Amino acid sequence: MPHDHDHHHHHDHHHSHGHSHDHDHQNDSAPLSLQEQLATLLTHWVNHNDAHKGNYLTWAERAREGGYDGVCRLLEEVVELTETVSEKLKEAQKEVDTAP
């Protein structure tokens, strides 16, 4: 049954990533182009994704050591999916880098 209201969801996620989110704002006088914004975001997302991948691997091993073989296998699948996401982000980076 169709309904005519929007679905807006806000998803805050607050957790430690083991890295800083500080950014240098010395050159804030000129706005970044869309290409520069995309390049910056894509690089950040790849790095962020890779940091999560490392955490998944660590916890997969801990799960295995603790006898949670099913959890270990699932986390290893998450690692594979994370690698796929990173590859897609890197493909997008290449497109941005080679754009006119």
PDB file of N, CA and C in Angstrom:
ATOM      1  N   MET A   1       0.842  -1.172   0.000  1.00  0.00           N
ATOM      2  CA  MET A   1       0.000   0.000   0.000  1.00  0.00           C
ATOM      3  C   MET A   1       0.892   1.241   0.000  1.00  0.00           C
ATOM      4  N   PRO A   2       0.749   2.099  -0.989  1.00  0.00           N
ATOM      5  CA  PRO A   2       1.597   3.298  -1.040  1.00  0.00           C
ATOM      6  C   PRO A   2       1.225   4.278   0.064  1.00  0.00           C
ATOM      7  N   HIS A   3       2.195   5.033   0.470  1.00  0.00           N
ATOM      8  CA  HIS A   3       1.967   6.093   1.439  1.00  0.00           C
ATOM      9  C   HIS A   3       2.773   7.302   1.007  1.00  0.00           C
ATOM     10  N   ASP A   4       2.305   8.463   1.403  1.00  0.00           N
ATOM     11  CA  ASP A   4       2.907   9.677   0.858  1.00  0.00           C
ATOM     12  C   ASP A   4       3.625  10.503   1.913  1.00  0.00           C
ATOM     13  N   HIS A   5       4.524   9.859   2.641  1.00  0.00           N
ATOM     14  CA  HIS A   5       5.382  10.635   3.530  1.00  0.00           C
ATOM     15  C   HIS A   5       6.825  10.192   3.328  1.00  0.00           C
ATOM     16  N   ASP A   6       7.695  11.127   3.588  1.00  0.00           N
ATOM     17  CA  ASP A   6       9.116  10.850   3.408  1.00  0.00           C
ATOM     18  C   ASP A   6       9.658  10.054   4.576  1.00  0.00           C
ATOM     19  N   HIS A   7      10.643   9.264   4.275  1.00  0.00           N
ATOM     20  CA  HIS A   7      11.354   8.523   5.310  1.00  0.00           C
ATOM     21  C   HIS A   7      12.736   9.130   5.457  1.00  0.00           C
ATOM     22  N   HIS A   8      12.927   9.874   6.499  1.00  0.00           N
ATOM     23  CA  HIS A   8      14.227  10.469   6.767  1.00  0.00           C
ATOM     24  C   HIS A   8      14.778   9.830   8.024  1.00  0.00           C
ATOM     25  N   HIS A   9      15.953   9.319   7.915  1.00  0.00           N
ATOM     26  CA  HIS A   9      16.588   8.683   9.059  1.00  0.00           C
ATOM     27  C   HIS A   9      17.940   9.332   9.275  1.00  0.00           C
ATOM     28  N   HIS A  10      18.221   9.639  10.511  1.00  0.00           N
ATOM     29  CA  HIS A  10      19.520  10.204  10.839  1.00  0.00           C
ATOM     30  C   HIS A  10      20.305   9.143  11.582  1.00  0.00           C
ATOM     31  N   HIS A  11      21.468   8.853  11.104  1.00  0.00           N
ATOM     32  CA  HIS A  11      22.278   7.802  11.700  1.00  0.00           C
ATOM     33  C   HIS A  11      23.593   8.370  12.202  1.00  0.00           C
ATOM     34  N   ASP A  12      23.598   8.798  13.452  1.00  0.00           N
ATOM     35  CA  ASP A  12      24.862   9.197  14.062  1.00  0.00           C
ATOM     36  C   ASP A  12      25.625   7.943  14.394  1.00  0.00           C
ATOM     37  N   HIS A  13      26.915   7.979  14.172  1.00  0.00           N
ATOM     38  CA  HIS A  13      27.698   6.892  14.731  1.00  0.00           C
ATOM     39  C   HIS A  13      28.903   7.473  15.405  1.00  0.00           C
ATOM     40  N   HIS A  14      28.950   7.191  16.670  1.00  0.00           N
ATOM     41  CA  HIS A  14      30.005   7.725  17.503  1.00  0.00           C
ATOM     42  C   HIS A  14      30.796   6.567  18.064  1.00  0.00           C
ATOM     43  N   HIS A  15      31.991   6.400  17.575  1.00  0.00           N
ATOM     44  CA  HIS A  15      32.888   5.396  18.124  1.00  0.00           C
ATOM     45  C   HIS A  15      34.306   5.752  17.742  1.00  0.00           C
ATOM     46  N   SER A  16      35.210   5.231  18.503  1.00  0.00           N
ATOM     47  CA  SER A  16      36.613   5.527  18.261  1.00  0.00           C
ATOM     48  C   SER A  16      37.106   4.748  17.060  1.00  0.00           C
ATOM     49  N   HIS A  17      37.820   5.421  16.189  1.00  0.00           N
ATOM     50  CA  HIS A  17      38.374   4.782  15.002  1.00  0.00           C
ATOM     51  C   HIS A  17      39.873   4.566  15.124  1.00  0.00           C
ATOM     52  N   GLY A  18      40.459   5.004  16.223  1.00  0.00           N
ATOM     53  CA  GLY A  18      41.897   4.867  16.363  1.00  0.00           C
ATOM     54  C   GLY A  18      42.670   5.867  15.523  1.00  0.00           C
ATOM     55  N   HIS A  19      41.958   6.846  14.978  1.00  0.00           N
ATOM     56  CA  HIS A  19      42.629   7.883  14.203  1.00  0.00           C
ATOM     57  C   HIS A  19      41.869   9.191  14.380  1.00  0.00           C
ATOM     58  N   SER A  20      42.525  10.262  14.059  1.00  0.00           N
ATOM     59  CA  SER A  20      41.979  11.591  14.261  1.00  0.00           C
ATOM     60  C   SER A  20      41.154  12.036  13.067  1.00  0.00           C
ATOM     61  N   HIS A  21      40.210  12.919  13.324  1.00  0.00           N
ATOM     62  CA  HIS A  21      39.432  13.521  12.255  1.00  0.00           C
ATOM     63  C   HIS A  21      39.731  15.015  12.154  1.00  0.00           C
ATOM     64  N   ASP A  22      40.934  15.398  12.556  1.00  0.00           N
ATOM     65  CA  ASP A  22      41.331  16.797  12.450  1.00  0.00           C
ATOM     66  C   ASP A  22      41.666  17.119  11.003  1.00  0.00           C
ATOM     67  N   HIS A  23      41.320  18.307  10.596  1.00  0.00           N
ATOM     68  CA  HIS A  23      41.584  18.737   9.231  1.00  0.00           C
ATOM     69  C   HIS A  23      42.232  20.114   9.264  1.00  0.00           C
ATOM     70  N   ASP A  24      43.116  20.362   8.333  1.00  0.00           N
ATOM     71  CA  ASP A  24      43.792  21.644   8.226  1.00  0.00           C
ATOM     72  C   ASP A  24      42.883  22.611   7.481  1.00  0.00           C
ATOM     73  N   HIS A  25      42.568  23.723   8.113  1.00  0.00           N
ATOM     74  CA  HIS A  25      41.672  24.697   7.503  1.00  0.00           C
ATOM     75  C   HIS A  25      42.395  26.006   7.186  1.00  0.00           C
ATOM     76  N   GLN A  26      43.694  25.946   6.928  1.00  0.00           N
ATOM     77  CA  GLN A  26      44.447  27.163   6.642  1.00  0.00           C
ATOM     78  C   GLN A  26      44.026  27.797   5.323  1.00  0.00           C
ATOM     79  N   ASN A  27      43.617  27.009   4.358  1.00  0.00           N
ATOM     80  CA  ASN A  27      43.292  27.531   3.034  1.00  0.00           C
ATOM     81  C   ASN A  27      41.790  27.610   2.823  1.00  0.00           C
ATOM     82  N   ASP A  28      41.059  28.015   3.856  1.00  0.00           N
ATOM     83  CA  ASP A  28      39.613  28.082   3.754  1.00  0.00           C
ATOM     84  C   ASP A  28      39.124  29.292   2.958  1.00  0.00           C
ATOM     85  N   SER A  29      40.018  30.125   2.467  1.00  0.00           N
ATOM     86  CA  SER A  29      39.596  31.329   1.771  1.00  0.00           C
ATOM     87  C   SER A  29      38.935  31.021   0.435  1.00  0.00           C
ATOM     88  N   ALA A  30      39.360  29.973  -0.249  1.00  0.00           N
ATOM     89  CA  ALA A  30      38.769  29.609  -1.535  1.00  0.00           C
ATOM     90  C   ALA A  30      38.022  28.288  -1.379  1.00  0.00           C
ATOM     91  N   PRO A  31      36.767  28.261  -1.803  1.00  0.00           N
ATOM     92  CA  PRO A  31      36.022  27.005  -1.690  1.00  0.00           C
ATOM     93  C   PRO A  31      36.618  25.935  -2.611  1.00  0.00           C
ATOM     94  N   LEU A  32      36.534  24.708  -2.159  1.00  0.00           N
ATOM     95  CA  LEU A  32      37.043  23.599  -2.962  1.00  0.00           C
ATOM     96  C   LEU A  32      36.092  23.319  -4.114  1.00  0.00           C
ATOM     97  N   SER A  33      36.656  22.932  -5.228  1.00  0.00           N
ATOM     98  CA  SER A  33      35.830  22.521  -6.359  1.00  0.00           C
ATOM     99  C   SER A  33      35.198  21.173  -6.030  1.00  0.00           C
ATOM    100  N   LEU A  34      34.203  20.791  -6.795  1.00  0.00           N
ATOM    101  CA  LEU A  34      33.578  19.487  -6.598  1.00  0.00           C
ATOM    102  C   LEU A  34      34.614  18.377  -6.754  1.00  0.00           C
ATOM    103  N   GLN A  35      35.503  18.518  -7.728  1.00  0.00           N
ATOM    104  CA  GLN A  35      36.548  17.513  -7.937  1.00  0.00           C
ATOM    105  C   GLN A  35      37.442  17.397  -6.695  1.00  0.00           C
ATOM    106  N   GLU A  36      37.828  18.529  -6.118  1.00  0.00           N
ATOM    107  CA  GLU A  36      38.661  18.515  -4.910  1.00  0.00           C
ATOM    108  C   GLU A  36      37.908  17.916  -3.722  1.00  0.00           C
ATOM    109  N   GLN A  37      36.637  18.257  -3.601  1.00  0.00           N
ATOM    110  CA  GLN A  37      35.830  17.695  -2.518  1.00  0.00           C
ATOM    111  C   GLN A  37      35.721  16.179  -2.646  1.00  0.00           C
ATOM    112  N   LEU A  38      35.423  15.716  -3.857  1.00  0.00           N
ATOM    113  CA  LEU A  38      35.306  14.272  -4.077  1.00  0.00           C
ATOM    114  C   LEU A  38      36.625  13.565  -3.804  1.00  0.00           C
ATOM    115  N   ALA A  39      37.718  14.137  -4.282  1.00  0.00           N
ATOM    116  CA  ALA A  39      39.031  13.525  -4.061  1.00  0.00           C
ATOM    117  C   ALA A  39      39.327  13.410  -2.569  1.00  0.00           C
ATOM    118  N   THR A  40      39.035  14.464  -1.832  1.00  0.00           N
ATOM    119  CA  THR A  40      39.276  14.463  -0.385  1.00  0.00           C
ATOM    120  C   THR A  40      38.400  13.435   0.317  1.00  0.00           C
ATOM    121  N   LEU A  41      37.121  13.438  -0.002  1.00  0.00           N
ATOM    122  CA  LEU A  41      36.198  12.497   0.635  1.00  0.00           C
ATOM    123  C   LEU A  41      36.534  11.050   0.301  1.00  0.00           C
ATOM    124  N   LEU A  42      36.813  10.779  -0.954  1.00  0.00           N
ATOM    125  CA  LEU A  42      37.104   9.397  -1.353  1.00  0.00           C
ATOM    126  C   LEU A  42      38.359   8.876  -0.664  1.00  0.00           C
ATOM    127  N   THR A  43      39.379   9.716  -0.570  1.00  0.00           N
ATOM    128  CA  THR A  43      40.596   9.310   0.141  1.00  0.00           C
ATOM    129  C   THR A  43      40.278   9.016   1.603  1.00  0.00           C
ATOM    130  N   HIS A  44      39.513   9.888   2.223  1.00  0.00           N
ATOM    131  CA  HIS A  44      39.126   9.689   3.626  1.00  0.00           C
ATOM    132  C   HIS A  44      38.335   8.389   3.791  1.00  0.00           C
ATOM    133  N   TRP A  45      37.388   8.147   2.894  1.00  0.00           N
ATOM    134  CA  TRP A  45      36.553   6.951   3.014  1.00  0.00           C
ATOM    135  C   TRP A  45      37.362   5.671   2.845  1.00  0.00           C
ATOM    136  N   VAL A  46      38.316   5.671   1.918  1.00  0.00           N
ATOM    137  CA  VAL A  46      39.173   4.491   1.744  1.00  0.00           C
ATOM    138  C   VAL A  46      39.968   4.243   3.023  1.00  0.00           C
ATOM    139  N   ASN A  47      40.589   5.284   3.550  1.00  0.00           N
ATOM    140  CA  ASN A  47      41.376   5.140   4.781  1.00  0.00           C
ATOM    141  C   ASN A  47      40.506   4.691   5.952  1.00  0.00           C
ATOM    142  N   HIS A  48      39.347   5.276   6.059  1.00  0.00           N
ATOM    143  CA  HIS A  48      38.404   4.941   7.125  1.00  0.00           C
ATOM    144  C   HIS A  48      37.975   3.473   7.001  1.00  0.00           C
ATOM    145  N   ASN A  49      37.652   3.070   5.797  1.00  0.00           N
ATOM    146  CA  ASN A  49      37.241   1.693   5.533  1.00  0.00           C
ATOM    147  C   ASN A  49      38.362   0.718   5.887  1.00  0.00           C
ATOM    148  N   ASP A  50      39.579   1.058   5.507  1.00  0.00           N
ATOM    149  CA  ASP A  50      40.722   0.189   5.805  1.00  0.00           C
ATOM    150  C   ASP A  50      40.948   0.062   7.309  1.00  0.00           C
ATOM    151  N   ALA A  51      40.710   1.144   8.046  1.00  0.00           N
ATOM    152  CA  ALA A  51      40.848   1.081   9.504  1.00  0.00           C
ATOM    153  C   ALA A  51      39.823   0.116  10.092  1.00  0.00           C
ATOM    154  N   HIS A  52      38.609   0.178   9.588  1.00  0.00           N
ATOM    155  CA  HIS A  52      37.586  -0.759  10.050  1.00  0.00           C
ATOM    156  C   HIS A  52      37.967  -2.190   9.698  1.00  0.00           C
ATOM    157  N   LYS A  53      38.506  -2.388   8.517  1.00  0.00           N
ATOM    158  CA  LYS A  53      38.915  -3.733   8.095  1.00  0.00           C
ATOM    159  C   LYS A  53      39.898  -4.328   9.100  1.00  0.00           C
ATOM    160  N   GLY A  54      40.848  -3.532   9.536  1.00  0.00           N
ATOM    161  CA  GLY A  54      41.814  -4.002  10.521  1.00  0.00           C
ATOM    162  C   GLY A  54      41.145  -4.427  11.820  1.00  0.00           C
ATOM    163  N   ASN A  55      40.147  -3.658  12.250  1.00  0.00           N
ATOM    164  CA  ASN A  55      39.404  -4.017  13.462  1.00  0.00           C
ATOM    165  C   ASN A  55      38.632  -5.317  13.273  1.00  0.00           C
ATOM    166  N   TYR A  56      38.020  -5.486  12.110  1.00  0.00           N
ATOM    167  CA  TYR A  56      37.272  -6.718  11.848  1.00  0.00           C
ATOM    168  C   TYR A  56      38.193  -7.930  11.904  1.00  0.00           C
ATOM    169  N   LEU A  57      39.390  -7.789  11.321  1.00  0.00           N
ATOM    170  CA  LEU A  57      40.345  -8.902  11.337  1.00  0.00           C
ATOM    171  C   LEU A  57      40.783  -9.237  12.761  1.00  0.00           C
ATOM    172  N   THR A  58      41.062  -8.206  13.542  1.00  0.00           N
ATOM    173  CA  THR A  58      41.462  -8.418  14.937  1.00  0.00           C
ATOM    174  C   THR A  58      40.380  -9.169  15.703  1.00  0.00           C
ATOM    175  N   TRP A  59      39.153  -8.739  15.541  1.00  0.00           N
ATOM    176  CA  TRP A  59      38.062  -9.360  16.285  1.00  0.00           C
ATOM    177  C   TRP A  59      37.683 -10.723  15.723  1.00  0.00           C
ATOM    178  N   ALA A  60      37.898 -10.937  14.447  1.00  0.00           N
ATOM    179  CA  ALA A  60      37.676 -12.276  13.885  1.00  0.00           C
ATOM    180  C   ALA A  60      38.620 -13.269  14.547  1.00  0.00           C
ATOM    181  N   GLU A  61      39.875 -12.875  14.693  1.00  0.00           N
ATOM    182  CA  GLU A  61      40.861 -13.750  15.331  1.00  0.00           C
ATOM    183  C   GLU A  61      40.507 -13.983  16.802  1.00  0.00           C
ATOM    184  N   ARG A  62      40.102 -12.931  17.490  1.00  0.00           N
ATOM    185  CA  ARG A  62      39.703 -13.081  18.896  1.00  0.00           C
ATOM    186  C   ARG A  62      38.489 -14.005  19.018  1.00  0.00           C
ATOM    187  N   ALA A  63      37.547 -13.856  18.099  1.00  0.00           N
ATOM    188  CA  ALA A  63      36.368 -14.724  18.119  1.00  0.00           C
ATOM    189  C   ALA A  63      36.776 -16.179  17.910  1.00  0.00           C
ATOM    190  N   ARG A  64      37.675 -16.409  16.958  1.00  0.00           N
ATOM    191  CA  ARG A  64      38.153 -17.771  16.697  1.00  0.00           C
ATOM    192  C   ARG A  64      38.810 -18.346  17.951  1.00  0.00           C
ATOM    193  N   GLU A  65      39.691 -17.557  18.551  1.00  0.00           N
ATOM    194  CA  GLU A  65      40.393 -18.009  19.757  1.00  0.00           C
ATOM    195  C   GLU A  65      39.427 -18.296  20.903  1.00  0.00           C
ATOM    196  N   GLY A  66      38.306 -17.590  20.937  1.00  0.00           N
ATOM    197  CA  GLY A  66      37.325 -17.777  21.997  1.00  0.00           C
ATOM    198  C   GLY A  66      36.286 -18.842  21.688  1.00  0.00           C
ATOM    199  N   GLY A  67      36.443 -19.509  20.555  1.00  0.00           N
ATOM    200  CA  GLY A  67      35.511 -20.571  20.206  1.00  0.00           C
ATOM    201  C   GLY A  67      34.276 -20.117  19.443  1.00  0.00           C
ATOM    202  N   TYR A  68      34.267 -18.877  18.994  1.00  0.00           N
ATOM    203  CA  TYR A  68      33.139 -18.358  18.221  1.00  0.00           C
ATOM    204  C   TYR A  68      33.458 -18.459  16.727  1.00  0.00           C
ATOM    205  N   ASP A  69      33.534 -19.688  16.247  1.00  0.00           N
ATOM    206  CA  ASP A  69      33.931 -19.910  14.857  1.00  0.00           C
ATOM    207  C   ASP A  69      32.954 -19.282  13.863  1.00  0.00           C
ATOM    208  N   GLY A  70      31.658 -19.339  14.166  1.00  0.00           N
ATOM    209  CA  GLY A  70      30.665 -18.732  13.279  1.00  0.00           C
ATOM    210  C   GLY A  70      30.839 -17.229  13.186  1.00  0.00           C
ATOM    211  N   VAL A  71      31.085 -16.600  14.315  1.00  0.00           N
ATOM    212  CA  VAL A  71      31.317 -15.150  14.330  1.00  0.00           C
ATOM    213  C   VAL A  71      32.578 -14.833  13.542  1.00  0.00           C
ATOM    214  N   CYS A  72      33.604 -15.647  13.733  1.00  0.00           N
ATOM    215  CA  CYS A  72      34.853 -15.447  12.997  1.00  0.00           C
ATOM    216  C   CYS A  72      34.603 -15.492  11.495  1.00  0.00           C
ATOM    217  N   ARG A  73      33.889 -16.513  11.044  1.00  0.00           N
ATOM    218  CA  ARG A  73      33.605 -16.636   9.604  1.00  0.00           C
ATOM    219  C   ARG A  73      32.822 -15.432   9.090  1.00  0.00           C
ATOM    220  N   LEU A  74      31.835 -14.993   9.864  1.00  0.00           N
ATOM    221  CA  LEU A  74      31.043 -13.839   9.438  1.00  0.00           C
ATOM    222  C   LEU A  74      31.887 -12.575   9.368  1.00  0.00           C
ATOM    223  N   LEU A  75      32.748 -12.366  10.347  1.00  0.00           N
ATOM    224  CA  LEU A  75      33.626 -11.192  10.309  1.00  0.00           C
ATOM    225  C   LEU A  75      34.595 -11.268   9.137  1.00  0.00           C
ATOM    226  N   GLU A  76      35.049 -12.465   8.811  1.00  0.00           N
ATOM    227  CA  GLU A  76      35.917 -12.617   7.636  1.00  0.00           C
ATOM    228  C   GLU A  76      35.157 -12.272   6.357  1.00  0.00           C
ATOM    229  N   GLU A  77      33.859 -12.596   6.313  1.00  0.00           N
ATOM    230  CA  GLU A  77      33.036 -12.193   5.166  1.00  0.00           C
ATOM    231  C   GLU A  77      32.901 -10.675   5.117  1.00  0.00           C
ATOM    232  N   VAL A  78      32.745 -10.066   6.289  1.00  0.00           N
ATOM    233  CA  VAL A  78      32.655  -8.603   6.357  1.00  0.00           C
ATOM    234  C   VAL A  78      33.945  -7.982   5.823  1.00  0.00           C
ATOM    235  N   VAL A  79      35.089  -8.591   6.138  1.00  0.00           N
ATOM    236  CA  VAL A  79      36.372  -8.104   5.621  1.00  0.00           C
ATOM    237  C   VAL A  79      36.355  -8.131   4.097  1.00  0.00           C
ATOM    238  N   GLU A  80      35.873  -9.229   3.520  1.00  0.00           N
ATOM    239  CA  GLU A  80      35.809  -9.327   2.057  1.00  0.00           C
ATOM    240  C   GLU A  80      34.898  -8.251   1.477  1.00  0.00           C
ATOM    241  N   LEU A  81      33.752  -8.032   2.105  1.00  0.00           N
ATOM    242  CA  LEU A  81      32.842  -6.986   1.639  1.00  0.00           C
ATOM    243  C   LEU A  81      33.484  -5.607   1.765  1.00  0.00           C
ATOM    244  N   THR A  82      34.190  -5.390   2.846  1.00  0.00           N
ATOM    245  CA  THR A  82      34.878  -4.122   3.065  1.00  0.00           C
ATOM    246  C   THR A  82      35.922  -3.891   1.979  1.00  0.00           C
ATOM    247  N   GLU A  83      36.637  -4.954   1.613  1.00  0.00           N
ATOM    248  CA  GLU A  83      37.626  -4.842   0.541  1.00  0.00           C
ATOM    249  C   GLU A  83      36.949  -4.487  -0.778  1.00  0.00           C
ATOM    250  N   THR A  84      35.770  -5.063  -1.022  1.00  0.00           N
ATOM    251  CA  THR A  84      35.021  -4.742  -2.238  1.00  0.00           C
ATOM    252  C   THR A  84      34.611  -3.274  -2.235  1.00  0.00           C
ATOM    253  N   VAL A  85      34.136  -2.791  -1.100  1.00  0.00           N
ATOM    254  CA  VAL A  85      33.756  -1.376  -0.988  1.00  0.00           C
ATOM    255  C   VAL A  85      34.971  -0.487  -1.246  1.00  0.00           C
ATOM    256  N   SER A  86      36.104  -0.834  -0.656  1.00  0.00           N
ATOM    257  CA  SER A  86      37.321  -0.039  -0.865  1.00  0.00           C
ATOM    258  C   SER A  86      37.720  -0.015  -2.332  1.00  0.00           C
ATOM    259  N   GLU A  87      37.595  -1.142  -3.010  1.00  0.00           N
ATOM    260  CA  GLU A  87      37.934  -1.186  -4.439  1.00  0.00           C
ATOM    261  C   GLU A  87      37.023  -0.264  -5.241  1.00  0.00           C
ATOM    262  N   LYS A  88      35.738  -0.246  -4.921  1.00  0.00           N
ATOM    263  CA  LYS A  88      34.803   0.646  -5.621  1.00  0.00           C
ATOM    264  C   LYS A  88      35.146   2.111  -5.341  1.00  0.00           C
ATOM    265  N   LEU A  89      35.501   2.407  -4.099  1.00  0.00           N
ATOM    266  CA  LEU A  89      35.900   3.773  -3.767  1.00  0.00           C
ATOM    267  C   LEU A  89      37.160   4.171  -4.528  1.00  0.00           C
ATOM    268  N   LYS A  90      38.102   3.236  -4.666  1.00  0.00           N
ATOM    269  CA  LYS A  90      39.333   3.514  -5.412  1.00  0.00           C
ATOM    270  C   LYS A  90      39.039   3.709  -6.895  1.00  0.00           C
ATOM    271  N   GLU A  91      38.079   2.961  -7.431  1.00  0.00           N
ATOM    272  CA  GLU A  91      37.669   3.168  -8.825  1.00  0.00           C
ATOM    273  C   GLU A  91      37.104   4.578  -8.994  1.00  0.00           C
ATOM    274  N   ALA A  92      36.299   4.989  -8.033  1.00  0.00           N
ATOM    275  CA  ALA A  92      35.741   6.342  -8.084  1.00  0.00           C
ATOM    276  C   ALA A  92      36.858   7.380  -8.000  1.00  0.00           C
ATOM    277  N   GLN A  93      37.867   7.118  -7.159  1.00  0.00           N
ATOM    278  CA  GLN A  93      39.017   8.029  -7.055  1.00  0.00           C
ATOM    279  C   GLN A  93      39.696   8.185  -8.410  1.00  0.00           C
ATOM    280  N   LYS A  94      39.901   7.078  -9.104  1.00  0.00           N
ATOM    281  CA  LYS A  94      40.561   7.130 -10.413  1.00  0.00           C
ATOM    282  C   LYS A  94      39.757   7.970 -11.391  1.00  0.00           C
ATOM    283  N   GLU A  95      38.433   7.821 -11.350  1.00  0.00           N
ATOM    284  CA  GLU A  95      37.595   8.623 -12.249  1.00  0.00           C
ATOM    285  C   GLU A  95      37.716  10.109 -11.926  1.00  0.00           C
ATOM    286  N   VAL A  96      37.736  10.428 -10.648  1.00  0.00           N
ATOM    287  CA  VAL A  96      37.885  11.832 -10.244  1.00  0.00           C
ATOM    288  C   VAL A  96      39.261  12.343 -10.665  1.00  0.00           C
ATOM    289  N   ASP A  97      40.292  11.529 -10.440  1.00  0.00           N
ATOM    290  CA  ASP A  97      41.661  11.942 -10.765  1.00  0.00           C
ATOM    291  C   ASP A  97      41.876  12.160 -12.259  1.00  0.00           C
ATOM    292  N   THR A  98      41.139  11.431 -13.082  1.00  0.00           N
ATOM    293  CA  THR A  98      41.335  11.550 -14.532  1.00  0.00           C
ATOM    294  C   THR A  98      40.306  12.456 -15.195  1.00  0.00           C
ATOM    295  N   ALA A  99      39.429  13.055 -14.395  1.00  0.00           N
ATOM    296  CA  ALA A  99      38.422  13.961 -14.955  1.00  0.00           C
ATOM    297  C   ALA A  99      39.099  15.234 -15.452  1.00  0.00           C
ATOM    298  N   PRO A 100      38.536  15.820 -16.491  1.00  0.00           N
ATOM    299  CA  PRO A 100      39.125  17.066 -17.029  1.00  0.00           C
ATOM    300  C   PRO A 100      39.036  18.229 -16.059  1.00  0.00           C
TER     301      PRO A 100
END
